[in-house]
PDB file of N, CA and C in Angstrom:
ATOM      1  N   MET A   1       0.846  -1.173   0.000  1.00  0.00           N
ATOM      2  CA  MET A   1       0.000   0.000   0.000  1.00  0.00           C
ATOM      3  C   MET A   1       0.892   1.236   0.000  1.00  0.00           C
ATOM      4  N   LYS A   2       0.588   2.163  -0.886  1.00  0.00           N
ATOM      5  CA  LYS A   2       1.345   3.405  -0.984  1.00  0.00           C
ATOM      6  C   LYS A   2       1.025   4.301   0.199  1.00  0.00           C
ATOM      7  N   LYS A   3       2.062   4.901   0.771  1.00  0.00           N
ATOM      8  CA  LYS A   3       1.836   5.837   1.864  1.00  0.00           C
ATOM      9  C   LYS A   3       1.347   7.156   1.270  1.00  0.00           C
ATOM     10  N   MET A   4       0.201   7.610   1.761  1.00  0.00           N
ATOM     11  CA  MET A   4      -0.378   8.862   1.286  1.00  0.00           C
ATOM     12  C   MET A   4      -0.742   9.735   2.470  1.00  0.00           C
ATOM     13  N   THR A   5      -0.522  11.016   2.325  1.00  0.00           N
ATOM     14  CA  THR A   5      -0.969  11.964   3.337  1.00  0.00           C
ATOM     15  C   THR A   5      -2.465  12.187   3.132  1.00  0.00           C
ATOM     16  N   TRP A   6      -3.080  12.907   4.063  1.00  0.00           N
ATOM     17  CA  TRP A   6      -4.506  13.227   3.949  1.00  0.00           C
ATOM     18  C   TRP A   6      -4.788  13.929   2.620  1.00  0.00           C
ATOM     19  N   ASP A   7      -3.975  14.933   2.284  1.00  0.00           N
ATOM     20  CA  ASP A   7      -4.193  15.700   1.053  1.00  0.00           C
ATOM     21  C   ASP A   7      -4.026  14.837  -0.192  1.00  0.00           C
ATOM     22  N   GLU A   8      -3.010  13.975  -0.206  1.00  0.00           N
ATOM     23  CA  GLU A   8      -2.798  13.082  -1.343  1.00  0.00           C
ATOM     24  C   GLU A   8      -3.949  12.090  -1.481  1.00  0.00           C
ATOM     25  N   TRP A   9      -4.415  11.557  -0.345  1.00  0.00           N
ATOM     26  CA  TRP A   9      -5.529  10.610  -0.388  1.00  0.00           C
ATOM     27  C   TRP A   9      -6.800  11.289  -0.907  1.00  0.00           C
ATOM     28  N   LYS A  10      -7.057  12.499  -0.426  1.00  0.00           N
ATOM     29  CA  LYS A  10      -8.257  13.236  -0.849  1.00  0.00           C
ATOM     30  C   LYS A  10      -8.211  13.506  -2.354  1.00  0.00           C
ATOM     31  N   GLU A  11      -7.045  13.904  -2.858  1.00  0.00           N
ATOM     32  CA  GLU A  11      -6.876  14.138  -4.295  1.00  0.00           C
ATOM     33  C   GLU A  11      -7.106  12.844  -5.078  1.00  0.00           C
ATOM     34  N   HIS A  12      -6.577  11.732  -4.567  1.00  0.00           N
ATOM     35  CA  HIS A  12      -6.760  10.420  -5.189  1.00  0.00           C
ATOM     36  C   HIS A  12      -8.238  10.040  -5.238  1.00  0.00           C
ATOM     37  N   GLU A  13      -8.949  10.242  -4.130  1.00  0.00           N
ATOM     38  CA  GLU A  13     -10.383   9.909  -4.065  1.00  0.00           C
ATOM     39  C   GLU A  13     -11.202  10.768  -5.024  1.00  0.00           C
ATOM     40  N   LEU A  14     -10.919  12.055  -5.080  1.00  0.00           N
ATOM     41  CA  LEU A  14     -11.652  12.934  -5.992  1.00  0.00           C
ATOM     42  C   LEU A  14     -11.415  12.540  -7.445  1.00  0.00           C
ATOM     43  N   ALA A  15     -10.169  12.188  -7.793  1.00  0.00           N
ATOM     44  CA  ALA A  15      -9.856  11.749  -9.157  1.00  0.00           C
ATOM     45  C   ALA A  15     -10.589  10.448  -9.480  1.00  0.00           C
ATOM     46  N   LYS A  16     -10.631   9.522  -8.505  1.00  0.00           N
ATOM     47  CA  LYS A  16     -11.322   8.248  -8.712  1.00  0.00           C
ATOM     48  C   LYS A  16     -12.814   8.475  -8.928  1.00  0.00           C
ATOM     49  N   ARG A  17     -13.403   9.330  -8.111  1.00  0.00           N
ATOM     50  CA  ARG A  17     -14.844   9.602  -8.253  1.00  0.00           C
ATOM     51  C   ARG A  17     -15.158  10.290  -9.574  1.00  0.00           C
ATOM     52  N   GLN A  18     -14.273  11.187 -10.018  1.00  0.00           N
ATOM     53  CA  GLN A  18     -14.469  11.864 -11.303  1.00  0.00           C
ATOM     54  C   GLN A  18     -14.367  10.850 -12.444  1.00  0.00           C
ATOM     55  N   GLN A  19     -13.406   9.940 -12.338  1.00  0.00           N
ATOM     56  CA  GLN A  19     -13.248   8.902 -13.353  1.00  0.00           C
ATOM     57  C   GLN A  19     -14.483   7.995 -13.395  1.00  0.00           C
ATOM     58  N   TYR A  20     -14.988   7.607 -12.237  1.00  0.00           N
ATOM     59  CA  TYR A  20     -16.204   6.803 -12.185  1.00  0.00           C
ATOM     60  C   TYR A  20     -17.372   7.537 -12.848  1.00  0.00           C
ATOM     61  N   LYS A  21     -17.479   8.834 -12.566  1.00  0.00           N
ATOM     62  CA  LYS A  21     -18.566   9.634 -13.131  1.00  0.00           C
ATOM     63  C   LYS A  21     -18.465   9.683 -14.659  1.00  0.00           C
ATOM     64  N   GLU A  22     -17.253   9.896 -15.169  1.00  0.00           N
ATOM     65  CA  GLU A  22     -17.042   9.958 -16.619  1.00  0.00           C
ATOM     66  C   GLU A  22     -17.335   8.624 -17.291  1.00  0.00           C
ATOM     67  N   MET A  23     -17.024   7.519 -16.607  1.00  0.00           N
ATOM     68  CA  MET A  23     -17.249   6.185 -17.169  1.00  0.00           C
ATOM     69  C   MET A  23     -18.687   5.718 -16.964  1.00  0.00           C
ATOM     70  N   GLY A  24     -19.446   6.424 -16.141  1.00  0.00           N
ATOM     71  CA  GLY A  24     -20.821   6.013 -15.876  1.00  0.00           C
ATOM     72  C   GLY A  24     -20.913   4.855 -14.890  1.00  0.00           C
ATOM     73  N   VAL A  25     -19.891   4.704 -14.051  1.00  0.00           N
ATOM     74  CA  VAL A  25     -19.849   3.619 -13.077  1.00  0.00           C
ATOM     75  C   VAL A  25     -20.537   4.054 -11.790  1.00  0.00           C
ATOM     76  N   ILE A  26     -21.340   3.171 -11.220  1.00  0.00           N
ATOM     77  CA  ILE A  26     -21.999   3.441  -9.945  1.00  0.00           C
ATOM     78  C   ILE A  26     -21.133   2.854  -8.835  1.00  0.00           C
ATOM     79  N   ASP A  27     -20.744   3.681  -7.893  1.00  0.00           N
ATOM     80  CA  ASP A  27     -19.916   3.240  -6.767  1.00  0.00           C
ATOM     81  C   ASP A  27     -20.840   2.781  -5.638  1.00  0.00           C
ATOM     82  N   PHE A  28     -21.179   1.496  -5.669  1.00  0.00           N
ATOM     83  CA  PHE A  28     -22.109   0.955  -4.685  1.00  0.00           C
ATOM     84  C   PHE A  28     -21.551   1.003  -3.262  1.00  0.00           C
ATOM     85  N   GLU A  29     -20.233   0.930  -3.125  1.00  0.00           N
ATOM     86  CA  GLU A  29     -19.618   0.983  -1.795  1.00  0.00           C
ATOM     87  C   GLU A  29     -19.884   2.336  -1.134  1.00  0.00           C
ATOM     88  N   THR A  30     -19.809   3.412  -1.908  1.00  0.00           N
ATOM     89  CA  THR A  30     -20.089   4.745  -1.377  1.00  0.00           C
ATOM     90  C   THR A  30     -21.560   4.880  -1.010  1.00  0.00           C
ATOM     91  N   ILE A  31     -22.437   4.391  -1.861  1.00  0.00           N
ATOM     92  CA  ILE A  31     -23.875   4.445  -1.588  1.00  0.00           C
ATOM     93  C   ILE A  31     -24.194   3.654  -0.319  1.00  0.00           C
ATOM     94  N   ARG A  32     -23.587   2.467  -0.189  1.00  0.00           N
ATOM     95  CA  ARG A  32     -23.790   1.630   0.996  1.00  0.00           C
ATOM     96  C   ARG A  32     -23.335   2.355   2.259  1.00  0.00           C
ATOM     97  N   ALA A  33     -22.164   2.971   2.194  1.00  0.00           N
ATOM     98  CA  ALA A  33     -21.617   3.679   3.358  1.00  0.00           C
ATOM     99  C   ALA A  33     -22.506   4.857   3.755  1.00  0.00           C
ATOM    100  N   GLU A  34     -22.981   5.622   2.770  1.00  0.00           N
ATOM    101  CA  GLU A  34     -23.850   6.767   3.065  1.00  0.00           C
ATOM    102  C   GLU A  34     -25.144   6.318   3.735  1.00  0.00           C
ATOM    103  N   LYS A  35     -25.717   5.218   3.258  1.00  0.00           N
ATOM    104  CA  LYS A  35     -26.946   4.704   3.864  1.00  0.00           C
ATOM    105  C   LYS A  35     -26.697   4.231   5.293  1.00  0.00           C
ATOM    106  N   MET A  36     -25.547   3.584   5.518  1.00  0.00           N
ATOM    107  CA  MET A  36     -25.236   3.097   6.866  1.00  0.00           C
ATOM    108  C   MET A  36     -24.990   4.264   7.827  1.00  0.00           C
ATOM    109  N   TRP A  37     -24.339   5.330   7.353  1.00  0.00           N
ATOM    110  CA  TRP A  37     -24.093   6.500   8.199  1.00  0.00           C
ATOM    111  C   TRP A  37     -25.406   7.132   8.641  1.00  0.00           C
ATOM    112  N   ALA A  38     -26.407   7.100   7.760  1.00  0.00           N
ATOM    113  CA  ALA A  38     -27.684   7.743   8.050  1.00  0.00           C
ATOM    114  C   ALA A  38     -28.630   6.859   8.867  1.00  0.00           C
ATOM    115  N   ASP A  39     -28.307   5.587   9.020  1.00  0.00           N
ATOM    116  CA  ASP A  39     -29.182   4.655   9.726  1.00  0.00           C
ATOM    117  C   ASP A  39     -28.803   4.575  11.210  1.00  0.00           C
ATOM    118  N   PRO A  40     -29.678   5.034  12.099  1.00  0.00           N
ATOM    119  CA  PRO A  40     -29.348   5.016  13.529  1.00  0.00           C
ATOM    120  C   PRO A  40     -29.281   3.605  14.122  1.00  0.00           C
ATOM    121  N   ASN A  41     -29.764   2.605  13.399  1.00  0.00           N
ATOM    122  CA  ASN A  41     -29.727   1.225  13.892  1.00  0.00           C
ATOM    123  C   ASN A  41     -28.371   0.542  13.663  1.00  0.00           C
ATOM    124  N   VAL A  42     -27.513   1.169  12.853  1.00  0.00           N
ATOM    125  CA  VAL A  42     -26.193   0.596  12.566  1.00  0.00           C
ATOM    126  C   VAL A  42     -25.199   1.126  13.597  1.00  0.00           C
ATOM    127  N   LYS A  43     -24.476   0.204  14.244  1.00  0.00           N
ATOM    128  CA  LYS A  43     -23.481   0.602  15.238  1.00  0.00           C
ATOM    129  C   LYS A  43     -22.316   1.322  14.553  1.00  0.00           C
ATOM    130  N   ASP A  44     -21.721   2.278  15.241  1.00  0.00           N
ATOM    131  CA  ASP A  44     -20.609   3.049  14.684  1.00  0.00           C
ATOM    132  C   ASP A  44     -19.468   2.158  14.210  1.00  0.00           C
ATOM    133  N   GLU A  45     -19.167   1.113  14.965  1.00  0.00           N
ATOM    134  CA  GLU A  45     -18.040   0.251  14.608  1.00  0.00           C
ATOM    135  C   GLU A  45     -18.310  -0.611  13.379  1.00  0.00           C
ATOM    136  N   ASP A  46     -19.553  -0.654  12.899  1.00  0.00           N
ATOM    137  CA  ASP A  46     -19.896  -1.431  11.706  1.00  0.00           C
ATOM    138  C   ASP A  46     -19.912  -0.594  10.430  1.00  0.00           C
ATOM    139  N   VAL A  47     -19.802   0.711  10.558  1.00  0.00           N
ATOM    140  CA  VAL A  47     -19.870   1.603   9.403  1.00  0.00           C
ATOM    141  C   VAL A  47     -18.510   1.600   8.686  1.00  0.00           C
ATOM    142  N   PRO A  48     -18.510   1.450   7.350  1.00  0.00           N
ATOM    143  CA  PRO A  48     -17.250   1.509   6.599  1.00  0.00           C
ATOM    144  C   PRO A  48     -16.604   2.887   6.756  1.00  0.00           C
ATOM    145  N   ALA A  49     -15.291   2.893   6.887  1.00  0.00           N
ATOM    146  CA  ALA A  49     -14.580   4.152   7.074  1.00  0.00           C
ATOM    147  C   ALA A  49     -13.146   4.026   6.576  1.00  0.00           C
ATOM    148  N   VAL A  50     -12.477   5.164   6.484  1.00  0.00           N
ATOM    149  CA  VAL A  50     -11.076   5.215   6.107  1.00  0.00           C
ATOM    150  C   VAL A  50     -10.269   5.463   7.370  1.00  0.00           C
ATOM    151  N   LYS A  51      -9.129   4.797   7.471  1.00  0.00           N
ATOM    152  CA  LYS A  51      -8.307   4.911   8.673  1.00  0.00           C
ATOM    153  C   LYS A  51      -7.029   5.695   8.364  1.00  0.00           C
ATOM    154  N   PHE A  52      -6.726   6.677   9.219  1.00  0.00           N
ATOM    155  CA  PHE A  52      -5.490   7.448   9.125  1.00  0.00           C
ATOM    156  C   PHE A  52      -4.752   7.332  10.445  1.00  0.00           C
ATOM    157  N   GLU A  53      -3.420   7.254  10.361  1.00  0.00           N
ATOM    158  CA  GLU A  53      -2.589   7.204  11.562  1.00  0.00           C
ATOM    159  C   GLU A  53      -1.583   8.345  11.515  1.00  0.00           C
ATOM    160  N   TYR A  54      -1.267   8.894  12.675  1.00  0.00           N
ATOM    161  CA  TYR A  54      -0.332  10.010  12.753  1.00  0.00           C
ATOM    162  C   TYR A  54       1.100   9.507  12.628  1.00  0.00           C
ATOM    163  N   ASP A  55       1.862  10.086  11.706  1.00  0.00           N
ATOM    164  CA  ASP A  55       3.265   9.743  11.499  1.00  0.00           C
ATOM    165  C   ASP A  55       4.112  10.831  12.150  1.00  0.00           C
ATOM    166  N   LYS A  56       4.797  10.463  13.236  1.00  0.00           N
ATOM    167  CA  LYS A  56       5.595  11.445  13.980  1.00  0.00           C
ATOM    168  C   LYS A  56       6.745  11.997  13.148  1.00  0.00           C
ATOM    169  N   GLU A  57       7.359  11.172  12.296  1.00  0.00           N
ATOM    170  CA  GLU A  57       8.480  11.620  11.475  1.00  0.00           C
ATOM    171  C   GLU A  57       8.053  12.692  10.477  1.00  0.00           C
ATOM    172  N   ARG A  58       6.913  12.493   9.843  1.00  0.00           N
ATOM    173  CA  ARG A  58       6.417  13.461   8.859  1.00  0.00           C
ATOM    174  C   ARG A  58       5.602  14.575   9.504  1.00  0.00           C
ATOM    175  N   GLY A  59       5.087  14.299  10.688  1.00  0.00           N
ATOM    176  CA  GLY A  59       4.286  15.303  11.377  1.00  0.00           C
ATOM    177  C   GLY A  59       2.911  15.495  10.794  1.00  0.00           C
ATOM    178  N   GLU A  60       2.360  14.446  10.171  1.00  0.00           N
ATOM    179  CA  GLU A  60       1.012  14.546   9.607  1.00  0.00           C
ATOM    180  C   GLU A  60       0.361  13.169   9.570  1.00  0.00           C
ATOM    181  N   PHE A  61      -0.930  13.162   9.298  1.00  0.00           N
ATOM    182  CA  PHE A  61      -1.667  11.910   9.234  1.00  0.00           C
ATOM    183  C   PHE A  61      -1.420  11.231   7.892  1.00  0.00           C
ATOM    184  N   MET A  62      -1.275   9.896   7.966  1.00  0.00           N
ATOM    185  CA  MET A  62      -1.026   9.089   6.778  1.00  0.00           C
ATOM    186  C   MET A  62      -2.148   8.065   6.620  1.00  0.00           C
ATOM    187  N   PHE A  63      -2.532   7.810   5.368  1.00  0.00           N
ATOM    188  CA  PHE A  63      -3.546   6.816   5.050  1.00  0.00           C
ATOM    189  C   PHE A  63      -3.079   5.446   5.539  1.00  0.00           C
ATOM    190  N   ALA A  64      -3.942   4.751   6.288  1.00  0.00           N
ATOM    191  CA  ALA A  64      -3.571   3.451   6.867  1.00  0.00           C
ATOM    192  C   ALA A  64      -4.501   2.327   6.444  1.00  0.00           C
ATOM    193  N   GLY A  65      -5.427   2.584   5.538  1.00  0.00           N
ATOM    194  CA  GLY A  65      -6.294   1.522   5.050  1.00  0.00           C
ATOM    195  C   GLY A  65      -7.766   1.800   5.322  1.00  0.00           C
ATOM    196  N   TYR A  66      -8.547   0.748   5.150  1.00  0.00           N
ATOM    197  CA  TYR A  66      -9.992   0.849   5.300  1.00  0.00           C
ATOM    198  C   TYR A  66     -10.471  -0.001   6.469  1.00  0.00           C
ATOM    199  N   ILE A  67     -11.587   0.400   7.047  1.00  0.00           N
ATOM    200  CA  ILE A  67     -12.209  -0.337   8.128  1.00  0.00           C
ATOM    201  C   ILE A  67     -13.607  -0.757   7.656  1.00  0.00           C
ATOM    202  N   ASN A  68     -13.906  -2.045   7.763  1.00  0.00           N
ATOM    203  CA  ASN A  68     -15.225  -2.574   7.375  1.00  0.00           C
ATOM    204  C   ASN A  68     -15.597  -2.219   5.947  1.00  0.00           C
ATOM    205  N   GLN A  69     -14.627  -2.254   5.055  1.00  0.00           N
ATOM    206  CA  GLN A  69     -14.900  -1.914   3.667  1.00  0.00           C
ATOM    207  C   GLN A  69     -14.235  -2.934   2.774  1.00  0.00           C
ATOM    208  N   VAL A  70     -14.944  -3.365   1.744  1.00  0.00           N
ATOM    209  CA  VAL A  70     -14.420  -4.359   0.809  1.00  0.00           C
ATOM    210  C   VAL A  70     -13.549  -3.637  -0.217  1.00  0.00           C
ATOM    211  N   GLU A  71     -12.311  -4.098  -0.356  1.00  0.00           N
ATOM    212  CA  GLU A  71     -11.408  -3.552  -1.354  1.00  0.00           C
ATOM    213  C   GLU A  71     -11.233  -4.572  -2.478  1.00  0.00           C
ATOM    214  N   HIS A  72     -11.469  -4.164  -3.692  1.00  0.00           N
ATOM    215  CA  HIS A  72     -11.324  -5.062  -4.850  1.00  0.00           C
ATOM    216  C   HIS A  72     -10.022  -4.809  -5.543  1.00  0.00           C
TER     217      HIS A  72
END
């Protein structure tokens, strides 16, 4: 996994979403996550999320993977 800062990850995600939009692809994982966030019956620990960890050497948060999310 490539180490990415918050800003690099955000840029990567925006580019991916723009590419999906141009190709006409439906991102079901995003739709699923949005529905789970809005559902009060879903426990917080079950909601898909992105994980960042603080890197003391760089002094910023680094992308550390996904939580409860299927990666293809």
